[in-house]
Structure formats: C-alpha cells, structure tokens
C-alpha cells in the first residue's frame, strides 16, 4: 500500500522546503540513534526567513553528524524505515 495521497499537492517552495527539512530531520534522528520522528511531528516554520534559518540549522547539524561517522559506520547497513518493507539482496547460496 503506498504511503502517499492519490492526488499530490502542487509543489510550492513551502512544500519542497518542508520535505527537505523532514528528510534531514529523520536522517539526523537515525544518525543520533534516536527513533525517527513521524511526519506529523515535523512542522514547517511558516515563512521564508524562518524556513531558511531552519534548513541552515538542519544542514549544520547534519554535517556535524556526518563528520563524526567512521568508515565502519558508513559501511554498516542502514536501519530499516518504520512502516516500510526491508529490501534485501538474495543470498548467492
């Protein structure tokens, strides 16, 4: 079952910036070992200036998290996303 609406909204800068902020927020949650927040827990700041500040803060946090990762961290499998089927590669044996 798809997790999107039958009709999608017309993409606006608000819609797009919220999706970027939501995705970065969830990736930060994963990187920090926290349970990823649900979509309804991520709110758009409401105006352009606040949205830019929000995205810049998320970018800084995301870069900080990426800098602390080791090669082993980067080679490790990604955690499964809640509500999504895990994708796997069939074993050759």
Foldseek 3Di string as FASTA:
>chain_A
DDPDDPDDDDDDPQNVLQVLLLVLQQVLCQLVVHQGDDSVVRDQPPDDVVSVVSVVVSVVSSVVSVVPDDPVNVVDDRDDDPPDDDDDDDDPD
